[in-house]
Amino acid sequence: MKLSILLLGILFSFSVHAKGVRLICAEANSTSNLLIQVHHQKNQWVYQIDELVMKNGKTDALGGVAQISKKSGIYTINYKSNTSDSITVINPKEGTMTVQDLADGNKTTEYQCKPSNFKK
């Protein structure tokens, strides 16, 4: 038991570092997981959900633009496209991700997250 707690702490410390985070997140009562990554690359923030990559201030593959910031260890991603408008808040210390869908009546979805060392 102590060993598993220690290993989880070590994994968490590697996944929450100065350059970003890598998490596996799942919605409550769901069996599907999302691989979430936020990291700094070439002097800009990059947010990745599974295969979709969003670079701060750049148009992504879906035609949207993300504004990505980090304050006090919490990542905020404001995303807008022709069909989407959302705010995602990732709190690695609490192990949570909240997505507020502004285009869908401010619908909020909560996710539980855990550290991941999986790399794509």
PDB file of N, CA and C in Angstrom:
ATOM      1  N   MET A   1       0.827  -1.197   0.000  1.00  0.00           N
ATOM      2  CA  MET A   1       0.000   0.000   0.000  1.00  0.00           C
ATOM      3  C   MET A   1       0.871   1.260   0.000  1.00  0.00           C
ATOM      4  N   LYS A   2       1.863   1.291   0.906  1.00  0.00           N
ATOM      5  CA  LYS A   2       2.738   2.456   0.967  1.00  0.00           C
ATOM      6  C   LYS A   2       3.517   2.635  -0.328  1.00  0.00           C
ATOM      7  N   LEU A   3       3.929   1.501  -0.921  1.00  0.00           N
ATOM      8  CA  LEU A   3       4.679   1.563  -2.169  1.00  0.00           C
ATOM      9  C   LEU A   3       3.832   2.151  -3.289  1.00  0.00           C
ATOM     10  N   SER A   4       2.555   1.737  -3.374  1.00  0.00           N
ATOM     11  CA  SER A   4       1.691   2.275  -4.434  1.00  0.00           C
ATOM     12  C   SER A   4       1.450   3.763  -4.242  1.00  0.00           C
ATOM     13  N   ILE A   5       1.298   4.211  -2.998  1.00  0.00           N
ATOM     14  CA  ILE A   5       1.126   5.646  -2.733  1.00  0.00           C
ATOM     15  C   ILE A   5       2.395   6.398  -3.110  1.00  0.00           C
ATOM     16  N   LEU A   6       3.537   5.843  -2.779  1.00  0.00           N
ATOM     17  CA  LEU A   6       4.808   6.466  -3.130  1.00  0.00           C
ATOM     18  C   LEU A   6       4.973   6.555  -4.647  1.00  0.00           C
ATOM     19  N   LEU A   7       4.655   5.453  -5.356  1.00  0.00           N
ATOM     20  CA  LEU A   7       4.765   5.465  -6.813  1.00  0.00           C
ATOM     21  C   LEU A   7       3.808   6.461  -7.447  1.00  0.00           C
ATOM     22  N   LEU A   8       2.588   6.561  -6.914  1.00  0.00           N
ATOM     23  CA  LEU A   8       1.633   7.538  -7.417  1.00  0.00           C
ATOM     24  C   LEU A   8       2.173   8.956  -7.213  1.00  0.00           C
ATOM     25  N   GLY A   9       2.768   9.218  -6.064  1.00  0.00           N
ATOM     26  CA  GLY A   9       3.364  10.533  -5.796  1.00  0.00           C
ATOM     27  C   GLY A   9       4.494  10.852  -6.752  1.00  0.00           C
ATOM     28  N   ILE A  10       5.318   9.851  -7.049  1.00  0.00           N
ATOM     29  CA  ILE A  10       6.420  10.051  -7.993  1.00  0.00           C
ATOM     30  C   ILE A  10       5.875  10.327  -9.386  1.00  0.00           C
ATOM     31  N   LEU A  11       4.887   9.529  -9.811  1.00  0.00           N
ATOM     32  CA  LEU A  11       4.264   9.775 -11.116  1.00  0.00           C
ATOM     33  C   LEU A  11       3.679  11.168 -11.188  1.00  0.00           C
ATOM     34  N   PHE A  12       2.985  11.580 -10.142  1.00  0.00           N
ATOM     35  CA  PHE A  12       2.362  12.899 -10.127  1.00  0.00           C
ATOM     36  C   PHE A  12       3.417  13.991 -10.217  1.00  0.00           C
ATOM     37  N   SER A  13       4.532  13.820  -9.508  1.00  0.00           N
ATOM     38  CA  SER A  13       5.571  14.849  -9.547  1.00  0.00           C
ATOM     39  C   SER A  13       6.176  14.968 -10.935  1.00  0.00           C
ATOM     40  N   PHE A  14       6.283  13.850 -11.676  1.00  0.00           N
ATOM     41  CA  PHE A  14       6.792  13.924 -13.038  1.00  0.00           C
ATOM     42  C   PHE A  14       5.774  14.530 -13.988  1.00  0.00           C
ATOM     43  N   SER A  15       4.482  14.305 -13.733  1.00  0.00           N
ATOM     44  CA  SER A  15       3.478  14.802 -14.662  1.00  0.00           C
ATOM     45  C   SER A  15       3.151  16.273 -14.428  1.00  0.00           C
ATOM     46  N   VAL A  16       3.459  16.804 -13.251  1.00  0.00           N
ATOM     47  CA  VAL A  16       3.223  18.216 -12.970  1.00  0.00           C
ATOM     48  C   VAL A  16       4.592  18.872 -12.818  1.00  0.00           C
ATOM     49  N   HIS A  17       5.100  19.406 -13.867  1.00  0.00           N
ATOM     50  CA  HIS A  17       6.390  20.070 -13.827  1.00  0.00           C
ATOM     51  C   HIS A  17       6.283  21.415 -14.516  1.00  0.00           C
ATOM     52  N   ALA A  18       7.378  22.158 -14.491  1.00  0.00           N
ATOM     53  CA  ALA A  18       7.364  23.536 -14.979  1.00  0.00           C
ATOM     54  C   ALA A  18       6.936  23.639 -16.444  1.00  0.00           C
ATOM     55  N   LYS A  19       7.179  22.609 -17.229  1.00  0.00           N
ATOM     56  CA  LYS A  19       6.890  22.699 -18.655  1.00  0.00           C
ATOM     57  C   LYS A  19       5.488  22.250 -19.017  1.00  0.00           C
ATOM     58  N   GLY A  20       4.733  21.686 -18.085  1.00  0.00           N
ATOM     59  CA  GLY A  20       3.374  21.295 -18.404  1.00  0.00           C
ATOM     60  C   GLY A  20       2.900  20.066 -17.657  1.00  0.00           C
ATOM     61  N   VAL A  21       1.761  19.531 -18.114  1.00  0.00           N
ATOM     62  CA  VAL A  21       1.169  18.354 -17.486  1.00  0.00           C
ATOM     63  C   VAL A  21       0.714  17.365 -18.545  1.00  0.00           C
ATOM     64  N   ARG A  22       0.611  16.121 -18.134  1.00  0.00           N
ATOM     65  CA  ARG A  22       0.068  15.054 -18.969  1.00  0.00           C
ATOM     66  C   ARG A  22      -0.861  14.263 -18.069  1.00  0.00           C
ATOM     67  N   LEU A  23      -2.149  14.227 -18.421  1.00  0.00           N
ATOM     68  CA  LEU A  23      -3.158  13.602 -17.584  1.00  0.00           C
ATOM     69  C   LEU A  23      -4.071  12.694 -18.388  1.00  0.00           C
ATOM     70  N   ILE A  24      -4.645  11.718 -17.711  1.00  0.00           N
ATOM     71  CA  ILE A  24      -5.734  10.915 -18.251  1.00  0.00           C
ATOM     72  C   ILE A  24      -6.978  11.373 -17.509  1.00  0.00           C
ATOM     73  N   CYS A  25      -7.982  11.832 -18.246  1.00  0.00           N
ATOM     74  CA  CYS A  25      -9.195  12.377 -17.626  1.00  0.00           C
ATOM     75  C   CYS A  25     -10.415  11.599 -18.108  1.00  0.00           C
ATOM     76  N   ALA A  26     -11.376  11.424 -17.191  1.00  0.00           N
ATOM     77  CA  ALA A  26     -12.621  10.734 -17.526  1.00  0.00           C
ATOM     78  C   ALA A  26     -13.782  11.468 -16.881  1.00  0.00           C
ATOM     79  N   GLU A  27     -14.879  11.550 -17.621  1.00  0.00           N
ATOM     80  CA  GLU A  27     -16.111  12.122 -17.090  1.00  0.00           C
ATOM     81  C   GLU A  27     -16.684  11.132 -16.082  1.00  0.00           C
ATOM     82  N   ALA A  28     -17.362  11.635 -15.056  1.00  0.00           N
ATOM     83  CA  ALA A  28     -17.969  10.765 -14.048  1.00  0.00           C
ATOM     84  C   ALA A  28     -18.878   9.738 -14.725  1.00  0.00           C
ATOM     85  N   ASN A  29     -18.848   8.518 -14.250  1.00  0.00           N
ATOM     86  CA  ASN A  29     -19.664   7.414 -14.765  1.00  0.00           C
ATOM     87  C   ASN A  29     -19.380   7.073 -16.224  1.00  0.00           C
ATOM     88  N   SER A  30     -18.187   7.384 -16.698  1.00  0.00           N
ATOM     89  CA  SER A  30     -17.811   7.076 -18.079  1.00  0.00           C
ATOM     90  C   SER A  30     -16.613   6.132 -18.075  1.00  0.00           C
ATOM     91  N   THR A  31     -16.556   5.282 -19.060  1.00  0.00           N
ATOM     92  CA  THR A  31     -15.418   4.369 -19.172  1.00  0.00           C
ATOM     93  C   THR A  31     -14.398   4.863 -20.191  1.00  0.00           C
ATOM     94  N   SER A  32     -14.722   5.929 -20.928  1.00  0.00           N
ATOM     95  CA  SER A  32     -13.773   6.434 -21.924  1.00  0.00           C
ATOM     96  C   SER A  32     -12.876   7.495 -21.299  1.00  0.00           C
ATOM     97  N   ASN A  33     -11.614   7.430 -21.663  1.00  0.00           N
ATOM     98  CA  ASN A  33     -10.612   8.353 -21.142  1.00  0.00           C
ATOM     99  C   ASN A  33     -10.121   9.294 -22.224  1.00  0.00           C
ATOM    100  N   LEU A  34      -9.722  10.480 -21.802  1.00  0.00           N
ATOM    101  CA  LEU A  34      -9.089  11.460 -22.686  1.00  0.00           C
ATOM    102  C   LEU A  34      -7.651  11.650 -22.231  1.00  0.00           C
ATOM    103  N   LEU A  35      -6.726  11.649 -23.172  1.00  0.00           N
ATOM    104  CA  LEU A  35      -5.348  12.003 -22.861  1.00  0.00           C
ATOM    105  C   LEU A  35      -5.237  13.510 -23.032  1.00  0.00           C
ATOM    106  N   ILE A  36      -4.921  14.207 -21.956  1.00  0.00           N
ATOM    107  CA  ILE A  36      -4.822  15.662 -21.951  1.00  0.00           C
ATOM    108  C   ILE A  36      -3.365  16.045 -21.701  1.00  0.00           C
ATOM    109  N   GLN A  37      -2.857  16.933 -22.531  1.00  0.00           N
ATOM    110  CA  GLN A  37      -1.505  17.444 -22.338  1.00  0.00           C
ATOM    111  C   GLN A  37      -1.513  18.953 -22.500  1.00  0.00           C
ATOM    112  N   VAL A  38      -0.826  19.622 -21.609  1.00  0.00           N
ATOM    113  CA  VAL A  38      -0.576  21.046 -21.760  1.00  0.00           C
ATOM    114  C   VAL A  38       0.914  21.212 -21.510  1.00  0.00           C
ATOM    115  N   HIS A  39       1.603  21.794 -22.469  1.00  0.00           N
ATOM    116  CA  HIS A  39       3.038  21.974 -22.311  1.00  0.00           C
ATOM    117  C   HIS A  39       3.511  23.198 -23.095  1.00  0.00           C
ATOM    118  N   HIS A  40       4.723  23.595 -22.798  1.00  0.00           N
ATOM    119  CA  HIS A  40       5.340  24.734 -23.455  1.00  0.00           C
ATOM    120  C   HIS A  40       6.229  24.200 -24.564  1.00  0.00           C
ATOM    121  N   GLN A  41       6.025  24.690 -25.782  1.00  0.00           N
ATOM    122  CA  GLN A  41       6.817  24.249 -26.927  1.00  0.00           C
ATOM    123  C   GLN A  41       7.159  25.462 -27.775  1.00  0.00           C
ATOM    124  N   LYS A  42       8.446  25.682 -28.001  1.00  0.00           N
ATOM    125  CA  LYS A  42       8.911  26.806 -28.814  1.00  0.00           C
ATOM    126  C   LYS A  42       8.292  28.130 -28.357  1.00  0.00           C
ATOM    127  N   ASN A  43       8.367  28.391 -27.062  1.00  0.00           N
ATOM    128  CA  ASN A  43       7.891  29.632 -26.446  1.00  0.00           C
ATOM    129  C   ASN A  43       6.393  29.877 -26.572  1.00  0.00           C
ATOM    130  N   GLN A  44       5.608  28.816 -26.714  1.00  0.00           N
ATOM    131  CA  GLN A  44       4.155  28.981 -26.716  1.00  0.00           C
ATOM    132  C   GLN A  44       3.506  27.780 -26.035  1.00  0.00           C
ATOM    133  N   TRP A  45       2.333  28.000 -25.457  1.00  0.00           N
ATOM    134  CA  TRP A  45       1.578  26.918 -24.834  1.00  0.00           C
ATOM    135  C   TRP A  45       0.895  26.080 -25.896  1.00  0.00           C
ATOM    136  N   VAL A  46       0.871  24.773 -25.667  1.00  0.00           N
ATOM    137  CA  VAL A  46       0.209  23.818 -26.539  1.00  0.00           C
ATOM    138  C   VAL A  46      -0.732  22.981 -25.674  1.00  0.00           C
ATOM    139  N   TYR A  47      -1.974  22.836 -26.125  1.00  0.00           N
ATOM    140  CA  TYR A  47      -2.986  22.036 -25.440  1.00  0.00           C
ATOM    141  C   TYR A  47      -3.384  20.921 -26.386  1.00  0.00           C
ATOM    142  N   GLN A  48      -3.343  19.691 -25.908  1.00  0.00           N
ATOM    143  CA  GLN A  48      -3.668  18.549 -26.757  1.00  0.00           C
ATOM    144  C   GLN A  48      -4.689  17.664 -26.066  1.00  0.00           C
ATOM    145  N   ILE A  49      -5.764  17.345 -26.799  1.00  0.00           N
ATOM    146  CA  ILE A  49      -6.769  16.382 -26.361  1.00  0.00           C
ATOM    147  C   ILE A  49      -6.681  15.223 -27.331  1.00  0.00           C
ATOM    148  N   ASP A  50      -6.218  14.085 -26.865  1.00  0.00           N
ATOM    149  CA  ASP A  50      -5.977  12.933 -27.726  1.00  0.00           C
ATOM    150  C   ASP A  50      -5.170  13.383 -28.946  1.00  0.00           C
ATOM    151  N   GLU A  51      -5.747  13.388 -30.142  1.00  0.00           N
ATOM    152  CA  GLU A  51      -5.005  13.736 -31.365  1.00  0.00           C
ATOM    153  C   GLU A  51      -5.130  15.210 -31.771  1.00  0.00           C
ATOM    154  N   LEU A  52      -6.077  15.931 -31.189  1.00  0.00           N
ATOM    155  CA  LEU A  52      -6.286  17.330 -31.555  1.00  0.00           C
ATOM    156  C   LEU A  52      -5.289  18.227 -30.817  1.00  0.00           C
ATOM    157  N   VAL A  53      -4.510  18.986 -31.580  1.00  0.00           N
ATOM    158  CA  VAL A  53      -3.485  19.864 -31.019  1.00  0.00           C
ATOM    159  C   VAL A  53      -3.898  21.309 -31.226  1.00  0.00           C
ATOM    160  N   MET A  54      -3.866  22.077 -30.137  1.00  0.00           N
ATOM    161  CA  MET A  54      -4.194  23.505 -30.191  1.00  0.00           C
ATOM    162  C   MET A  54      -2.986  24.287 -29.691  1.00  0.00           C
ATOM    163  N   LYS A  55      -2.529  25.219 -30.498  1.00  0.00           N
ATOM    164  CA  LYS A  55      -1.407  26.068 -30.101  1.00  0.00           C
ATOM    165  C   LYS A  55      -1.945  27.446 -29.779  1.00  0.00           C
ATOM    166  N   ASN A  56      -1.412  28.032 -28.738  1.00  0.00           N
ATOM    167  CA  ASN A  56      -1.876  29.333 -28.271  1.00  0.00           C
ATOM    168  C   ASN A  56      -1.901  30.362 -29.396  1.00  0.00           C
ATOM    169  N   GLY A  57      -3.107  30.875 -29.685  1.00  0.00           N
ATOM    170  CA  GLY A  57      -3.256  31.932 -30.678  1.00  0.00           C
ATOM    171  C   GLY A  57      -3.202  31.485 -32.126  1.00  0.00           C
ATOM    172  N   LYS A  58      -3.082  30.183 -32.375  1.00  0.00           N
ATOM    173  CA  LYS A  58      -2.983  29.663 -33.748  1.00  0.00           C
ATOM    174  C   LYS A  58      -4.264  28.912 -34.121  1.00  0.00           C
ATOM    175  N   THR A  59      -4.639  28.953 -35.390  1.00  0.00           N
ATOM    176  CA  THR A  59      -5.803  28.218 -35.875  1.00  0.00           C
ATOM    177  C   THR A  59      -5.479  26.727 -35.905  1.00  0.00           C
ATOM    178  N   ASP A  60      -6.387  25.911 -35.340  1.00  0.00           N
ATOM    179  CA  ASP A  60      -6.160  24.466 -35.297  1.00  0.00           C
ATOM    180  C   ASP A  60      -6.820  23.760 -36.479  1.00  0.00           C
ATOM    181  N   ALA A  61      -6.772  22.429 -36.481  1.00  0.00           N
ATOM    182  CA  ALA A  61      -7.302  21.620 -37.584  1.00  0.00           C
ATOM    183  C   ALA A  61      -8.809  21.769 -37.753  1.00  0.00           C
ATOM    184  N   LEU A  62      -9.523  22.192 -36.702  1.00  0.00           N
ATOM    185  CA  LEU A  62     -10.972  22.373 -36.775  1.00  0.00           C
ATOM    186  C   LEU A  62     -11.373  23.819 -37.064  1.00  0.00           C
ATOM    187  N   GLY A  63     -10.386  24.682 -37.274  1.00  0.00           N
ATOM    188  CA  GLY A  63     -10.666  26.080 -37.585  1.00  0.00           C
ATOM    189  C   GLY A  63     -10.860  26.964 -36.374  1.00  0.00           C
ATOM    190  N   GLY A  64     -10.548  26.453 -35.203  1.00  0.00           N
ATOM    191  CA  GLY A  64     -10.701  27.230 -33.975  1.00  0.00           C
ATOM    192  C   GLY A  64      -9.376  27.775 -33.481  1.00  0.00           C
ATOM    193  N   VAL A  65      -9.461  28.687 -32.516  1.00  0.00           N
ATOM    194  CA  VAL A  65      -8.276  29.298 -31.925  1.00  0.00           C
ATOM    195  C   VAL A  65      -8.378  29.180 -30.409  1.00  0.00           C
ATOM    196  N   ALA A  66      -7.293  28.757 -29.786  1.00  0.00           N
ATOM    197  CA  ALA A  66      -7.235  28.627 -28.329  1.00  0.00           C
ATOM    198  C   ALA A  66      -6.328  29.703 -27.745  1.00  0.00           C
ATOM    199  N   GLN A  67      -6.767  30.240 -26.622  1.00  0.00           N
ATOM    200  CA  GLN A  67      -5.932  31.129 -25.814  1.00  0.00           C
ATOM    201  C   GLN A  67      -5.614  30.344 -24.548  1.00  0.00           C
ATOM    202  N   ILE A  68      -4.346  30.038 -24.337  1.00  0.00           N
ATOM    203  CA  ILE A  68      -3.926  29.144 -23.261  1.00  0.00           C
ATOM    204  C   ILE A  68      -3.086  29.929 -22.265  1.00  0.00           C
ATOM    205  N   SER A  69      -3.416  29.762 -20.977  1.00  0.00           N
ATOM    206  CA  SER A  69      -2.626  30.446 -19.948  1.00  0.00           C
ATOM    207  C   SER A  69      -2.476  29.551 -18.727  1.00  0.00           C
ATOM    208  N   LYS A  70      -1.500  29.894 -17.898  1.00  0.00           N
ATOM    209  CA  LYS A  70      -1.255  29.179 -16.647  1.00  0.00           C
ATOM    210  C   LYS A  70      -1.070  30.214 -15.548  1.00  0.00           C
ATOM    211  N   LYS A  71      -1.819  30.042 -14.460  1.00  0.00           N
ATOM    212  CA  LYS A  71      -1.696  30.935 -13.315  1.00  0.00           C
ATOM    213  C   LYS A  71      -1.849  30.110 -12.051  1.00  0.00           C
ATOM    214  N   SER A  72      -0.872  30.211 -11.165  1.00  0.00           N
ATOM    215  CA  SER A  72      -0.871  29.482  -9.898  1.00  0.00           C
ATOM    216  C   SER A  72      -1.050  27.981 -10.096  1.00  0.00           C
ATOM    217  N   GLY A  73      -0.449  27.431 -11.146  1.00  0.00           N
ATOM    218  CA  GLY A  73      -0.506  26.001 -11.412  1.00  0.00           C
ATOM    219  C   GLY A  73      -1.780  25.524 -12.079  1.00  0.00           C
ATOM    220  N   ILE A  74      -2.701  26.430 -12.405  1.00  0.00           N
ATOM    221  CA  ILE A  74      -3.970  26.081 -13.038  1.00  0.00           C
ATOM    222  C   ILE A  74      -3.943  26.563 -14.487  1.00  0.00           C
ATOM    223  N   TYR A  75      -4.306  25.666 -15.400  1.00  0.00           N
ATOM    224  CA  TYR A  75      -4.315  25.974 -16.828  1.00  0.00           C
ATOM    225  C   TYR A  75      -5.724  26.356 -17.262  1.00  0.00           C
ATOM    226  N   THR A  76      -5.815  27.415 -18.058  1.00  0.00           N
ATOM    227  CA  THR A  76      -7.097  27.847 -18.604  1.00  0.00           C
ATOM    228  C   THR A  76      -6.972  27.919 -20.118  1.00  0.00           C
ATOM    229  N   ILE A  77      -7.937  27.286 -20.797  1.00  0.00           N
ATOM    230  CA  ILE A  77      -7.956  27.284 -22.254  1.00  0.00           C
ATOM    231  C   ILE A  77      -9.285  27.867 -22.709  1.00  0.00           C
ATOM    232  N   ASN A  78      -9.239  29.035 -23.332  1.00  0.00           N
ATOM    233  CA  ASN A  78     -10.422  29.653 -23.935  1.00  0.00           C
ATOM    234  C   ASN A  78     -10.382  29.296 -25.412  1.00  0.00           C
ATOM    235  N   TYR A  79     -11.421  28.616 -25.892  1.00  0.00           N
ATOM    236  CA  TYR A  79     -11.423  28.114 -27.262  1.00  0.00           C
ATOM    237  C   TYR A  79     -12.641  28.627 -28.019  1.00  0.00           C
ATOM    238  N   LYS A  80     -12.404  29.125 -29.233  1.00  0.00           N
ATOM    239  CA  LYS A  80     -13.496  29.598 -30.086  1.00  0.00           C
ATOM    240  C   LYS A  80     -13.293  29.116 -31.511  1.00  0.00           C
ATOM    241  N   SER A  81     -14.408  28.669 -32.101  1.00  0.00           N
ATOM    242  CA  SER A  81     -14.439  28.338 -33.526  1.00  0.00           C
ATOM    243  C   SER A  81     -15.810  28.758 -34.037  1.00  0.00           C
ATOM    244  N   ASN A  82     -16.099  28.449 -35.283  1.00  0.00           N
ATOM    245  CA  ASN A  82     -17.417  28.787 -35.833  1.00  0.00           C
ATOM    246  C   ASN A  82     -18.545  28.061 -35.119  1.00  0.00           C
ATOM    247  N   THR A  83     -18.266  26.879 -34.592  1.00  0.00           N
ATOM    248  CA  THR A  83     -19.307  26.065 -33.963  1.00  0.00           C
ATOM    249  C   THR A  83     -19.098  25.831 -32.472  1.00  0.00           C
ATOM    250  N   SER A  84     -18.016  26.333 -31.909  1.00  0.00           N
ATOM    251  CA  SER A  84     -17.697  26.051 -30.515  1.00  0.00           C
ATOM    252  C   SER A  84     -17.184  27.286 -29.796  1.00  0.00           C
ATOM    253  N   ASP A  85     -17.503  27.357 -28.523  1.00  0.00           N
ATOM    254  CA  ASP A  85     -17.007  28.425 -27.657  1.00  0.00           C
ATOM    255  C   ASP A  85     -16.959  27.825 -26.254  1.00  0.00           C
ATOM    256  N   SER A  86     -15.755  27.603 -25.728  1.00  0.00           N
ATOM    257  CA  SER A  86     -15.654  26.927 -24.440  1.00  0.00           C
ATOM    258  C   SER A  86     -14.504  27.457 -23.603  1.00  0.00           C
ATOM    259  N   ILE A  87     -14.606  27.188 -22.310  1.00  0.00           N
ATOM    260  CA  ILE A  87     -13.542  27.493 -21.362  1.00  0.00           C
ATOM    261  C   ILE A  87     -13.220  26.201 -20.628  1.00  0.00           C
ATOM    262  N   THR A  88     -11.962  25.780 -20.700  1.00  0.00           N
ATOM    263  CA  THR A  88     -11.507  24.578 -20.006  1.00  0.00           C
ATOM    264  C   THR A  88     -10.542  25.003 -18.914  1.00  0.00           C
ATOM    265  N   VAL A  89     -10.773  24.496 -17.704  1.00  0.00           N
ATOM    266  CA  VAL A  89      -9.893  24.789 -16.570  1.00  0.00           C
ATOM    267  C   VAL A  89      -9.343  23.460 -16.071  1.00  0.00           C
ATOM    268  N   ILE A  90      -8.016  23.344 -16.045  1.00  0.00           N
ATOM    269  CA  ILE A  90      -7.348  22.124 -15.602  1.00  0.00           C
ATOM    270  C   ILE A  90      -6.581  22.438 -14.325  1.00  0.00           C
ATOM    271  N   ASN A  91      -6.916  21.717 -13.265  1.00  0.00           N
ATOM    272  CA  ASN A  91      -6.242  21.880 -11.983  1.00  0.00           C
ATOM    273  C   ASN A  91      -5.545  20.555 -11.656  1.00  0.00           C
ATOM    274  N   PRO A  92      -4.271  20.422 -12.028  1.00  0.00           N
ATOM    275  CA  PRO A  92      -3.564  19.164 -11.809  1.00  0.00           C
ATOM    276  C   PRO A  92      -3.465  18.764 -10.339  1.00  0.00           C
ATOM    277  N   LYS A  93      -3.309  19.715  -9.444  1.00  0.00           N
ATOM    278  CA  LYS A  93      -3.179  19.390  -8.014  1.00  0.00           C
ATOM    279  C   LYS A  93      -4.463  18.786  -7.472  1.00  0.00           C
ATOM    280  N   GLU A  94      -5.607  19.271  -7.922  1.00  0.00           N
ATOM    281  CA  GLU A  94      -6.900  18.745  -7.479  1.00  0.00           C
ATOM    282  C   GLU A  94      -7.315  17.526  -8.300  1.00  0.00           C
ATOM    283  N   GLY A  95      -6.670  17.319  -9.446  1.00  0.00           N
ATOM    284  CA  GLY A  95      -7.020  16.204 -10.322  1.00  0.00           C
ATOM    285  C   GLY A  95      -8.354  16.412 -11.018  1.00  0.00           C
ATOM    286  N   THR A  96      -8.605  17.661 -11.437  1.00  0.00           N
ATOM    287  CA  THR A  96      -9.882  17.965 -12.074  1.00  0.00           C
ATOM    288  C   THR A  96      -9.689  18.730 -13.378  1.00  0.00           C
ATOM    289  N   MET A  97     -10.660  18.567 -14.251  1.00  0.00           N
ATOM    290  CA  MET A  97     -10.774  19.370 -15.455  1.00  0.00           C
ATOM    291  C   MET A  97     -12.253  19.710 -15.594  1.00  0.00           C
ATOM    292  N   THR A  98     -12.547  20.990 -15.816  1.00  0.00           N
ATOM    293  CA  THR A  98     -13.915  21.460 -16.001  1.00  0.00           C
ATOM    294  C   THR A  98     -14.005  22.122 -17.364  1.00  0.00           C
ATOM    295  N   VAL A  99     -15.002  21.708 -18.142  1.00  0.00           N
ATOM    296  CA  VAL A  99     -15.221  22.298 -19.460  1.00  0.00           C
ATOM    297  C   VAL A  99     -16.586  22.969 -19.451  1.00  0.00           C
ATOM    298  N   GLN A 100     -16.572  24.274 -19.674  1.00  0.00           N
ATOM    299  CA  GLN A 100     -17.815  25.042 -19.755  1.00  0.00           C
ATOM    300  C   GLN A 100     -18.076  25.351 -21.222  1.00  0.00           C
ATOM    301  N   ASP A 101     -19.167  24.806 -21.760  1.00  0.00           N
ATOM    302  CA  ASP A 101     -19.526  24.976 -23.160  1.00  0.00           C
ATOM    303  C   ASP A 101     -20.423  26.198 -23.296  1.00  0.00           C
ATOM    304  N   LEU A 102     -19.841  27.328 -23.665  1.00  0.00           N
ATOM    305  CA  LEU A 102     -20.585  28.586 -23.770  1.00  0.00           C
ATOM    306  C   LEU A 102     -21.553  28.568 -24.947  1.00  0.00           C
ATOM    307  N   ALA A 103     -21.265  27.760 -25.965  1.00  0.00           N
ATOM    308  CA  ALA A 103     -22.132  27.678 -27.144  1.00  0.00           C
ATOM    309  C   ALA A 103     -23.360  26.799 -26.885  1.00  0.00           C
ATOM    310  N   ASP A 104     -23.339  26.055 -25.776  1.00  0.00           N
ATOM    311  CA  ASP A 104     -24.438  25.149 -25.444  1.00  0.00           C
ATOM    312  C   ASP A 104     -25.052  25.537 -24.099  1.00  0.00           C
ATOM    313  N   GLY A 105     -25.398  26.816 -23.955  1.00  0.00           N
ATOM    314  CA  GLY A 105     -26.070  27.284 -22.751  1.00  0.00           C
ATOM    315  C   GLY A 105     -25.257  27.173 -21.484  1.00  0.00           C
ATOM    316  N   ASN A 106     -23.963  27.344 -21.578  1.00  0.00           N
ATOM    317  CA  ASN A 106     -23.055  27.262 -20.432  1.00  0.00           C
ATOM    318  C   ASN A 106     -23.038  25.891 -19.762  1.00  0.00           C
ATOM    319  N   LYS A 107     -23.311  24.846 -20.521  1.00  0.00           N
ATOM    320  CA  LYS A 107     -23.259  23.479 -19.995  1.00  0.00           C
ATOM    321  C   LYS A 107     -21.849  23.203 -19.471  1.00  0.00           C
ATOM    322  N   THR A 108     -21.774  22.670 -18.249  1.00  0.00           N
ATOM    323  CA  THR A 108     -20.490  22.380 -17.630  1.00  0.00           C
ATOM    324  C   THR A 108     -20.323  20.878 -17.466  1.00  0.00           C
ATOM    325  N   THR A 109     -19.145  20.383 -17.854  1.00  0.00           N
ATOM    326  CA  THR A 109     -18.816  18.974 -17.706  1.00  0.00           C
ATOM    327  C   THR A 109     -17.584  18.861 -16.825  1.00  0.00           C
ATOM    328  N   GLU A 110     -17.671  18.004 -15.813  1.00  0.00           N
ATOM    329  CA  GLU A 110     -16.571  17.788 -14.871  1.00  0.00           C
ATOM    330  C   GLU A 110     -15.859  16.475 -15.204  1.00  0.00           C
ATOM    331  N   TYR A 111     -14.544  16.499 -15.120  1.00  0.00           N
ATOM    332  CA  TYR A 111     -13.732  15.316 -15.343  1.00  0.00           C
ATOM    333  C   TYR A 111     -12.816  15.098 -14.144  1.00  0.00           C
ATOM    334  N   GLN A 112     -12.557  13.848 -13.835  1.00  0.00           N
ATOM    335  CA  GLN A 112     -11.555  13.479 -12.841  1.00  0.00           C
ATOM    336  C   GLN A 112     -10.311  13.071 -13.608  1.00  0.00           C
ATOM    337  N   CYS A 113      -9.168  13.518 -13.151  1.00  0.00           N
ATOM    338  CA  CYS A 113      -7.920  13.285 -13.878  1.00  0.00           C
ATOM    339  C   CYS A 113      -6.864  12.648 -12.973  1.00  0.00           C
ATOM    340  N   LYS A 114      -5.996  11.900 -13.613  1.00  0.00           N
ATOM    341  CA  LYS A 114      -4.862  11.334 -12.896  1.00  0.00           C
ATOM    342  C   LYS A 114      -3.637  11.482 -13.781  1.00  0.00           C
ATOM    343  N   PRO A 115      -2.472  11.514 -13.172  1.00  0.00           N
ATOM    344  CA  PRO A 115      -1.235  11.686 -13.947  1.00  0.00           C
ATOM    345  C   PRO A 115      -1.019  10.523 -14.912  1.00  0.00           C
ATOM    346  N   SER A 116      -0.361  10.823 -16.013  1.00  0.00           N
ATOM    347  CA  SER A 116      -0.043   9.804 -17.005  1.00  0.00           C
ATOM    348  C   SER A 116       1.367  10.031 -17.514  1.00  0.00           C
ATOM    349  N   ASN A 117       2.086   8.937 -17.726  1.00  0.00           N
ATOM    350  CA  ASN A 117       3.404   9.052 -18.353  1.00  0.00           C
ATOM    351  C   ASN A 117       3.341   8.578 -19.797  1.00  0.00           C
ATOM    352  N   PHE A 118       2.102   8.365 -20.313  1.00  0.00           N
ATOM    353  CA  PHE A 118       1.916   7.938 -21.690  1.00  0.00           C
ATOM    354  C   PHE A 118       2.265   9.067 -22.642  1.00  0.00           C
ATOM    355  N   LYS A 119       3.068   8.774 -23.672  1.00  0.00           N
ATOM    356  CA  LYS A 119       3.430   9.789 -24.663  1.00  0.00           C
ATOM    357  C   LYS A 119       2.948   9.341 -26.026  1.00  0.00           C
ATOM    358  N   LYS A 120       2.439  10.298 -26.803  1.00  0.00           N
ATOM    359  CA  LYS A 120       2.010   9.988 -28.173  1.00  0.00           C
ATOM    360  C   LYS A 120       3.091  10.415 -29.122  1.00  0.00           C
TER     361      LYS A 120
END
